[in-house]
N, C-alpha and C. Protein backbone atom coordinates (compact mmCIF):
# COMPACT_ATOMS: atom_id res chain seq x y z
N MET A 1 0.84 -1.17 0.00
CA MET A 1 0.00 0.00 0.00
C MET A 1 0.89 1.24 0.00
N ALA A 2 0.48 2.24 -0.73
CA ALA A 2 1.26 3.48 -0.83
C ALA A 2 1.00 4.38 0.38
N LYS A 3 1.94 5.27 0.63
CA LYS A 3 1.80 6.27 1.69
C LYS A 3 1.62 7.61 1.00
N PHE A 4 0.52 8.30 1.34
CA PHE A 4 0.23 9.60 0.74
C PHE A 4 0.32 10.69 1.80
N TYR A 5 0.98 11.77 1.42
CA TYR A 5 1.04 12.96 2.24
C TYR A 5 -0.11 13.83 1.77
N VAL A 6 -1.09 14.02 2.65
CA VAL A 6 -2.34 14.70 2.28
C VAL A 6 -2.43 16.00 3.07
N GLN A 7 -2.73 17.09 2.36
CA GLN A 7 -2.92 18.36 3.05
C GLN A 7 -4.03 19.16 2.39
N SER A 8 -4.77 19.82 3.26
CA SER A 8 -5.85 20.69 2.81
C SER A 8 -6.26 21.55 3.99
N GLY A 9 -6.24 22.84 3.84
CA GLY A 9 -6.62 23.71 4.95
C GLY A 9 -5.76 23.43 6.17
N THR A 10 -6.40 23.08 7.29
CA THR A 10 -5.68 22.82 8.53
C THR A 10 -5.26 21.36 8.68
N LEU A 11 -5.57 20.53 7.70
CA LEU A 11 -5.25 19.10 7.77
C LEU A 11 -3.93 18.79 7.08
N ARG A 12 -3.09 18.08 7.77
CA ARG A 12 -1.87 17.49 7.20
C ARG A 12 -1.85 16.06 7.74
N ALA A 13 -1.93 15.07 6.85
CA ALA A 13 -1.99 13.68 7.29
C ALA A 13 -1.15 12.81 6.39
N ILE A 14 -0.63 11.74 6.96
CA ILE A 14 0.05 10.71 6.20
C ILE A 14 -0.88 9.51 6.21
N ILE A 15 -1.37 9.12 5.04
CA ILE A 15 -2.41 8.10 4.94
C ILE A 15 -1.91 6.95 4.08
N ASP A 16 -1.99 5.74 4.63
CA ASP A 16 -1.71 4.53 3.86
C ASP A 16 -2.95 4.21 3.05
N SER A 17 -2.81 4.13 1.74
CA SER A 17 -3.97 3.92 0.87
C SER A 17 -3.51 3.29 -0.45
N PRO A 18 -4.39 2.48 -1.07
CA PRO A 18 -4.04 1.90 -2.36
C PRO A 18 -3.88 2.94 -3.48
N ASP A 19 -4.58 4.09 -3.34
CA ASP A 19 -4.48 5.13 -4.37
C ASP A 19 -4.83 6.49 -3.78
N ALA A 20 -4.53 7.53 -4.56
CA ALA A 20 -4.72 8.90 -4.10
C ALA A 20 -6.19 9.23 -3.84
N GLU A 21 -7.08 8.73 -4.70
CA GLU A 21 -8.50 9.04 -4.52
C GLU A 21 -9.01 8.53 -3.18
N ARG A 22 -8.62 7.33 -2.81
CA ARG A 22 -9.07 6.79 -1.52
C ARG A 22 -8.44 7.55 -0.36
N ALA A 23 -7.23 8.03 -0.53
CA ALA A 23 -6.61 8.85 0.52
C ALA A 23 -7.38 10.15 0.69
N ALA A 24 -7.82 10.75 -0.42
CA ALA A 24 -8.62 11.98 -0.35
C ALA A 24 -9.96 11.70 0.32
N LEU A 25 -10.57 10.56 0.03
CA LEU A 25 -11.84 10.20 0.67
C LEU A 25 -11.65 10.02 2.18
N TRP A 26 -10.51 9.46 2.59
CA TRP A 26 -10.25 9.30 4.02
C TRP A 26 -10.09 10.67 4.68
N ALA A 27 -9.48 11.63 3.99
CA ALA A 27 -9.35 12.98 4.53
C ALA A 27 -10.74 13.61 4.73
N ILE A 28 -11.62 13.44 3.75
CA ILE A 28 -13.00 13.93 3.88
C ILE A 28 -13.68 13.25 5.06
N HIS A 29 -13.54 11.93 5.15
CA HIS A 29 -14.16 11.16 6.24
C HIS A 29 -13.68 11.67 7.59
N THR A 30 -12.39 11.90 7.70
CA THR A 30 -11.81 12.39 8.96
C THR A 30 -12.39 13.75 9.33
N ALA A 31 -12.49 14.63 8.36
CA ALA A 31 -13.06 15.96 8.63
C ALA A 31 -14.54 15.87 9.00
N MET A 32 -15.28 15.02 8.31
CA MET A 32 -16.72 14.91 8.56
C MET A 32 -17.03 14.27 9.91
N GLU A 33 -16.14 13.43 10.42
CA GLU A 33 -16.38 12.80 11.72
C GLU A 33 -16.44 13.82 12.85
N GLN A 34 -15.91 15.01 12.64
CA GLN A 34 -16.00 16.07 13.66
C GLN A 34 -17.43 16.50 13.90
N VAL A 35 -18.23 16.50 12.84
CA VAL A 35 -19.60 17.00 12.94
C VAL A 35 -20.64 15.90 12.85
N MET A 36 -20.23 14.73 12.39
CA MET A 36 -21.15 13.61 12.20
C MET A 36 -20.41 12.32 12.54
N PRO A 37 -20.22 12.04 13.85
CA PRO A 37 -19.43 10.87 14.22
C PRO A 37 -19.99 9.58 13.61
N LEU A 38 -19.08 8.83 13.00
CA LEU A 38 -19.43 7.57 12.37
C LEU A 38 -18.53 6.49 12.93
N GLU A 39 -18.99 5.26 12.89
CA GLU A 39 -18.11 4.17 13.28
C GLU A 39 -17.11 3.98 12.16
N SER A 40 -15.86 3.75 12.53
CA SER A 40 -14.85 3.53 11.51
C SER A 40 -13.91 2.44 11.97
N GLY A 41 -13.21 1.89 11.01
CA GLY A 41 -12.28 0.81 11.30
C GLY A 41 -10.99 1.35 11.90
N PRO A 42 -10.00 0.49 12.01
CA PRO A 42 -8.72 0.93 12.57
C PRO A 42 -8.08 1.98 11.69
N GLU A 43 -7.50 2.97 12.32
CA GLU A 43 -6.89 4.06 11.56
C GLU A 43 -5.42 3.76 11.29
N SER A 44 -4.99 4.12 10.11
CA SER A 44 -3.57 4.05 9.77
C SER A 44 -3.15 5.42 9.30
N THR A 45 -3.45 6.42 10.13
CA THR A 45 -3.24 7.81 9.75
C THR A 45 -2.43 8.53 10.81
N GLU A 46 -1.37 9.19 10.38
CA GLU A 46 -0.67 10.12 11.25
C GLU A 46 -1.19 11.49 10.86
N MET A 47 -1.77 12.21 11.81
CA MET A 47 -2.42 13.45 11.43
C MET A 47 -1.97 14.60 12.31
N ILE A 48 -1.77 15.74 11.67
CA ILE A 48 -1.49 16.98 12.38
C ILE A 48 -2.58 17.97 11.98
N VAL A 49 -3.25 18.54 12.96
CA VAL A 49 -4.25 19.57 12.68
C VAL A 49 -3.70 20.88 13.21
N CYS A 50 -3.53 21.84 12.32
CA CYS A 50 -2.96 23.14 12.67
C CYS A 50 -4.08 24.16 12.78
N GLY A 51 -4.10 24.87 13.82
CA GLY A 51 -5.10 25.92 13.95
C GLY A 51 -5.47 26.13 15.40
N PRO A 52 -6.12 27.24 15.69
CA PRO A 52 -6.41 27.58 17.09
C PRO A 52 -7.42 26.64 17.75
N THR A 53 -8.28 25.98 16.99
CA THR A 53 -9.31 25.15 17.62
C THR A 53 -9.06 23.66 17.47
N ASN A 54 -7.99 23.28 16.77
CA ASN A 54 -7.71 21.87 16.47
C ASN A 54 -8.84 21.21 15.70
N MET A 55 -9.65 22.00 15.03
CA MET A 55 -10.69 21.47 14.15
C MET A 55 -10.15 21.44 12.73
N ILE A 56 -10.55 20.41 12.00
CA ILE A 56 -10.12 20.31 10.61
C ILE A 56 -11.02 21.20 9.76
N ALA A 57 -10.41 22.08 9.01
CA ALA A 57 -11.12 22.91 8.04
C ALA A 57 -10.41 22.70 6.72
N LEU A 58 -11.10 22.07 5.76
CA LEU A 58 -10.48 21.77 4.48
C LEU A 58 -10.52 22.98 3.55
N ALA A 59 -9.54 23.05 2.67
CA ALA A 59 -9.48 24.11 1.66
C ALA A 59 -10.26 23.66 0.42
N GLU A 60 -10.22 24.45 -0.63
CA GLU A 60 -10.96 24.11 -1.86
C GLU A 60 -10.40 22.90 -2.56
N THR A 61 -9.13 22.59 -2.34
CA THR A 61 -8.54 21.40 -2.93
C THR A 61 -7.84 20.57 -1.86
N ILE A 62 -7.70 19.29 -2.16
CA ILE A 62 -6.93 18.37 -1.32
C ILE A 62 -5.67 18.05 -2.12
N GLU A 63 -4.52 18.26 -1.52
CA GLU A 63 -3.25 18.02 -2.20
C GLU A 63 -2.66 16.71 -1.70
N LEU A 64 -2.26 15.85 -2.65
CA LEU A 64 -1.73 14.53 -2.31
C LEU A 64 -0.40 14.29 -3.01
N SER A 65 0.53 13.72 -2.27
CA SER A 65 1.84 13.40 -2.84
C SER A 65 2.36 12.13 -2.17
N GLU A 66 3.08 11.33 -2.91
CA GLU A 66 3.75 10.16 -2.32
C GLU A 66 5.16 10.51 -1.87
N ILE A 67 5.57 11.77 -2.06
CA ILE A 67 6.94 12.18 -1.74
C ILE A 67 7.01 12.96 -0.43
N GLY A 68 6.07 13.88 -0.21
CA GLY A 68 6.09 14.69 1.01
C GLY A 68 5.10 15.83 0.94
N PHE A 69 5.06 16.62 2.01
CA PHE A 69 4.18 17.77 2.08
C PHE A 69 4.75 18.95 1.28
N ASP A 70 3.88 19.88 0.96
CA ASP A 70 4.25 21.15 0.32
C ASP A 70 4.99 20.95 -1.00
N ARG A 71 4.48 20.03 -1.81
CA ARG A 71 5.08 19.74 -3.11
C ARG A 71 4.35 20.48 -4.22
N GLY A 72 5.05 21.13 -5.07
CA GLY A 72 4.43 21.81 -6.21
C GLY A 72 3.92 20.83 -7.25
N ASP A 73 4.46 19.62 -7.26
CA ASP A 73 4.06 18.61 -8.25
C ASP A 73 3.01 17.63 -7.71
N CYS A 74 2.32 18.02 -6.65
CA CYS A 74 1.32 17.13 -6.04
C CYS A 74 0.06 17.02 -6.91
N LEU A 75 -0.71 15.98 -6.66
CA LEU A 75 -2.02 15.82 -7.28
C LEU A 75 -3.01 16.67 -6.49
N ARG A 76 -3.85 17.42 -7.19
CA ARG A 76 -4.86 18.24 -6.52
C ARG A 76 -6.24 17.72 -6.89
N ILE A 77 -7.03 17.44 -5.86
CA ILE A 77 -8.40 16.96 -6.05
C ILE A 77 -9.34 18.00 -5.47
N ASP A 78 -10.37 18.36 -6.21
CA ASP A 78 -11.37 19.31 -5.74
C ASP A 78 -12.07 18.75 -4.50
N THR A 79 -12.07 19.50 -3.41
CA THR A 79 -12.65 19.03 -2.15
C THR A 79 -14.14 18.74 -2.29
N PHE A 80 -14.87 19.60 -3.00
CA PHE A 80 -16.30 19.38 -3.16
C PHE A 80 -16.58 18.10 -3.95
N ASP A 81 -15.80 17.83 -4.99
CA ASP A 81 -15.97 16.59 -5.75
C ASP A 81 -15.70 15.37 -4.87
N ALA A 82 -14.63 15.44 -4.06
CA ALA A 82 -14.32 14.34 -3.15
C ALA A 82 -15.42 14.16 -2.12
N PHE A 83 -15.97 15.29 -1.63
CA PHE A 83 -17.06 15.21 -0.66
C PHE A 83 -18.29 14.53 -1.28
N GLN A 84 -18.62 14.89 -2.51
CA GLN A 84 -19.77 14.26 -3.17
C GLN A 84 -19.57 12.75 -3.31
N HIS A 85 -18.37 12.33 -3.66
CA HIS A 85 -18.06 10.91 -3.78
C HIS A 85 -18.19 10.23 -2.41
N TRP A 86 -17.65 10.86 -1.37
CA TRP A 86 -17.75 10.33 0.00
C TRP A 86 -19.22 10.20 0.41
N ASN A 87 -20.02 11.22 0.09
CA ASN A 87 -21.44 11.21 0.46
C ASN A 87 -22.18 10.07 -0.25
N MET A 88 -21.89 9.83 -1.51
CA MET A 88 -22.53 8.73 -2.25
C MET A 88 -22.15 7.38 -1.62
N LEU A 89 -20.89 7.24 -1.23
CA LEU A 89 -20.46 5.99 -0.58
C LEU A 89 -21.16 5.81 0.76
N LEU A 90 -21.29 6.89 1.52
CA LEU A 90 -21.97 6.82 2.82
C LEU A 90 -23.43 6.40 2.64
N LYS A 91 -24.10 6.98 1.66
CA LYS A 91 -25.50 6.61 1.40
C LYS A 91 -25.61 5.15 0.98
N ALA A 92 -24.67 4.65 0.19
CA ALA A 92 -24.69 3.25 -0.23
C ALA A 92 -24.51 2.32 0.97
N VAL A 93 -23.61 2.67 1.86
CA VAL A 93 -23.38 1.84 3.06
C VAL A 93 -24.62 1.87 3.95
N GLU A 94 -25.23 3.03 4.12
CA GLU A 94 -26.46 3.12 4.93
C GLU A 94 -27.57 2.27 4.33
N LYS A 95 -27.71 2.29 3.01
CA LYS A 95 -28.73 1.49 2.34
C LYS A 95 -28.47 0.00 2.54
N LEU A 96 -27.21 -0.41 2.43
CA LEU A 96 -26.86 -1.81 2.66
C LEU A 96 -27.17 -2.22 4.11
N ASN A 97 -26.85 -1.36 5.06
CA ASN A 97 -27.17 -1.64 6.46
C ASN A 97 -28.66 -1.79 6.68
N THR A 98 -29.45 -0.93 6.05
CA THR A 98 -30.89 -1.01 6.16
C THR A 98 -31.41 -2.33 5.58
N LEU A 99 -30.89 -2.72 4.43
CA LEU A 99 -31.31 -3.98 3.79
C LEU A 99 -30.92 -5.18 4.65
N LEU A 100 -29.74 -5.14 5.22
CA LEU A 100 -29.27 -6.25 6.05
C LEU A 100 -30.03 -6.34 7.38
N ASP A 101 -30.39 -5.18 7.94
CA ASP A 101 -31.11 -5.16 9.20
C ASP A 101 -32.59 -5.47 9.04
N GLY A 102 -33.14 -5.16 7.87
CA GLY A 102 -34.59 -5.27 7.66
C GLY A 102 -34.97 -6.59 7.17
């Protein structure tokens, strides 16, 4: 599994992930757990949150690199697009849970 250096807004995290898109989704998930706690599996994330409140506030893009932080050659993913993908996955999991419970 690859190691991605992920940064956006006040979030700086090192995430083990098969690909950059899944690392970005994990960053969204981590930020969303502040306002909507969800059950999650074991974490493989080293995270630093910078800011006066220690709350994660994401920027307009999520920057990912396999080399390190603050790279000009990083992959940039639109935060809103990643959030929409995360939201669709969350809805699918909720629907599966409902089907399995019902």
